Amino acid sequence: MVSRTIRIDDIDGTSANSTIAFSIDGKSYSIDLSEENEKKFRAALEPYIRAAESIRKERRTKVVTETTGIDQRMAIREWAKTQGLSVSQRGRIAQDIVDQFHLHHG
């Protein structure tokens, strides 16, 4: 049996093209958006992102890698499956999936 995930735009209930993960004030969020609403979302944030200080990815990646134990890797794999992301049952988990998990779960 083939399983298929259908995303619904959290703003207007139309078909969503992407899931956007973001965080503010130490709390992480994710939202499913259509192409149109994603453009609006990014346009609204653009001046703030341009003015903000970027967190260096290398530093964040190192912390994530060091703190990812067996139980957490299992949780990441389960979460990735519920999000329709392709993840292997064994071995290394792609860093972008680990990053998305941490953004979503703060």
Protein backbone atom coordinates (compact mmCIF):
# COMPACT_ATOMS: atom_id res chain seq x y z
CA MET A 1 0.00 0.00 0.00
CA VAL A 2 1.32 3.42 -0.92
CA SER A 3 0.99 6.18 1.63
CA ARG A 4 0.73 9.79 0.50
CA THR A 5 0.85 12.92 2.59
CA ILE A 6 -1.35 15.80 1.53
CA ARG A 7 -0.53 19.21 2.97
CA ILE A 8 -3.22 21.80 3.59
CA ASP A 9 -2.39 25.52 3.84
CA ASP A 10 -2.79 26.48 7.50
CA ILE A 11 -3.97 29.98 6.55
CA ASP A 12 -6.66 29.44 3.94
CA GLY A 13 -7.22 25.67 3.67
CA THR A 14 -6.00 25.38 0.07
CA SER A 15 -3.37 22.90 -1.08
CA ALA A 16 0.03 23.60 0.51
CA ASN A 17 3.30 23.33 -1.39
CA SER A 18 5.72 23.55 1.51
CA THR A 19 6.22 23.42 5.24
CA ILE A 20 8.09 26.38 6.69
CA ALA A 21 9.90 25.99 10.02
CA PHE A 22 10.79 29.09 12.01
CA SER A 23 11.41 30.18 15.57
CA ILE A 24 10.98 33.34 17.59
CA ASP A 25 11.55 34.08 21.26
CA GLY A 26 13.00 30.61 21.76
CA LYS A 27 9.87 28.84 20.54
CA SER A 28 9.83 26.88 17.27
CA TYR A 29 6.93 26.66 14.84
CA SER A 30 6.10 25.11 11.49
CA ILE A 31 3.39 26.10 9.05
CA ASP A 32 2.14 24.54 5.82
CA LEU A 33 1.66 27.15 3.11
CA SER A 34 0.58 27.41 -0.51
CA GLU A 35 3.03 29.02 -2.92
CA GLU A 36 1.10 32.32 -2.72
CA ASN A 37 1.02 32.40 1.09
CA GLU A 38 4.67 31.36 1.31
CA LYS A 39 5.59 34.38 -0.84
CA LYS A 40 3.55 36.64 1.46
CA PHE A 41 5.15 35.10 4.56
CA ARG A 42 8.69 35.52 3.23
CA ALA A 43 7.98 39.06 1.99
CA ALA A 44 6.67 40.03 5.44
CA LEU A 45 9.80 38.68 7.16
CA GLU A 46 12.33 39.87 4.57
CA PRO A 47 13.12 43.30 6.10
CA TYR A 48 13.57 41.73 9.55
CA ILE A 49 15.76 38.92 8.23
CA ARG A 50 17.88 41.42 6.29
CA ALA A 51 18.42 43.50 9.43
CA ALA A 52 18.88 40.57 11.84
CA GLU A 53 22.13 38.97 12.88
CA SER A 54 22.54 35.50 11.41
CA ILE A 55 23.40 32.56 13.68
CA ARG A 56 26.35 30.68 12.23
CA LYS A 57 25.21 27.31 10.90
CA GLU A 58 28.47 25.53 11.77
CA ARG A 59 27.99 26.29 15.45
CA ARG A 60 24.34 25.16 15.48
CA THR A 61 25.17 21.99 13.53
CA LYS A 62 27.92 21.04 15.97
CA VAL A 63 25.59 21.35 18.96
CA VAL A 64 22.88 19.30 17.23
CA THR A 65 25.32 16.53 16.28
CA GLU A 66 26.77 16.26 19.77
CA THR A 67 23.38 16.07 21.46
CA THR A 68 21.69 13.56 19.14
CA GLY A 69 21.53 10.23 21.02
CA ILE A 70 19.84 6.95 20.04
CA ASP A 71 16.44 7.89 21.49
CA GLN A 72 16.50 11.27 19.81
CA ARG A 73 17.51 9.77 16.45
CA MET A 74 14.53 7.41 16.72
CA ALA A 75 12.26 10.37 17.49
CA ILE A 76 13.68 12.30 14.52
CA ARG A 77 13.04 9.35 12.19
CA GLU A 78 9.45 8.98 13.40
CA TRP A 79 8.80 12.72 13.09
CA ALA A 80 10.33 12.81 9.59
CA LYS A 81 8.00 10.01 8.46
CA THR A 82 4.96 11.94 9.72
CA GLN A 83 6.15 14.95 7.73
CA GLY A 84 6.47 12.89 4.53
CA LEU A 85 10.27 13.18 4.55
CA SER A 86 12.43 10.33 3.28
CA VAL A 87 14.67 8.99 6.03
CA SER A 88 16.52 5.68 6.31
CA GLN A 89 15.85 3.27 9.18
CA ARG A 90 19.57 3.02 9.92
CA GLY A 91 22.68 5.10 9.55
CA ARG A 92 23.17 8.83 9.37
CA ILE A 93 20.15 11.14 9.23
CA ALA A 94 20.49 14.00 6.74
CA GLN A 95 21.44 17.21 8.57
CA ASP A 96 18.60 19.19 7.00
CA ILE A 97 16.10 16.74 8.54
CA VAL A 98 17.80 17.02 11.95
CA ASP A 99 17.70 20.82 11.65
CA GLN A 100 14.01 20.80 10.72
CA PHE A 101 13.22 18.51 13.66
CA HIS A 102 14.99 20.84 16.10
CA LEU A 103 13.31 23.90 14.64
CA HIS A 104 9.93 22.20 14.97
CA HIS A 105 10.52 20.86 18.49
CA GLY A 106 12.60 23.70 19.93
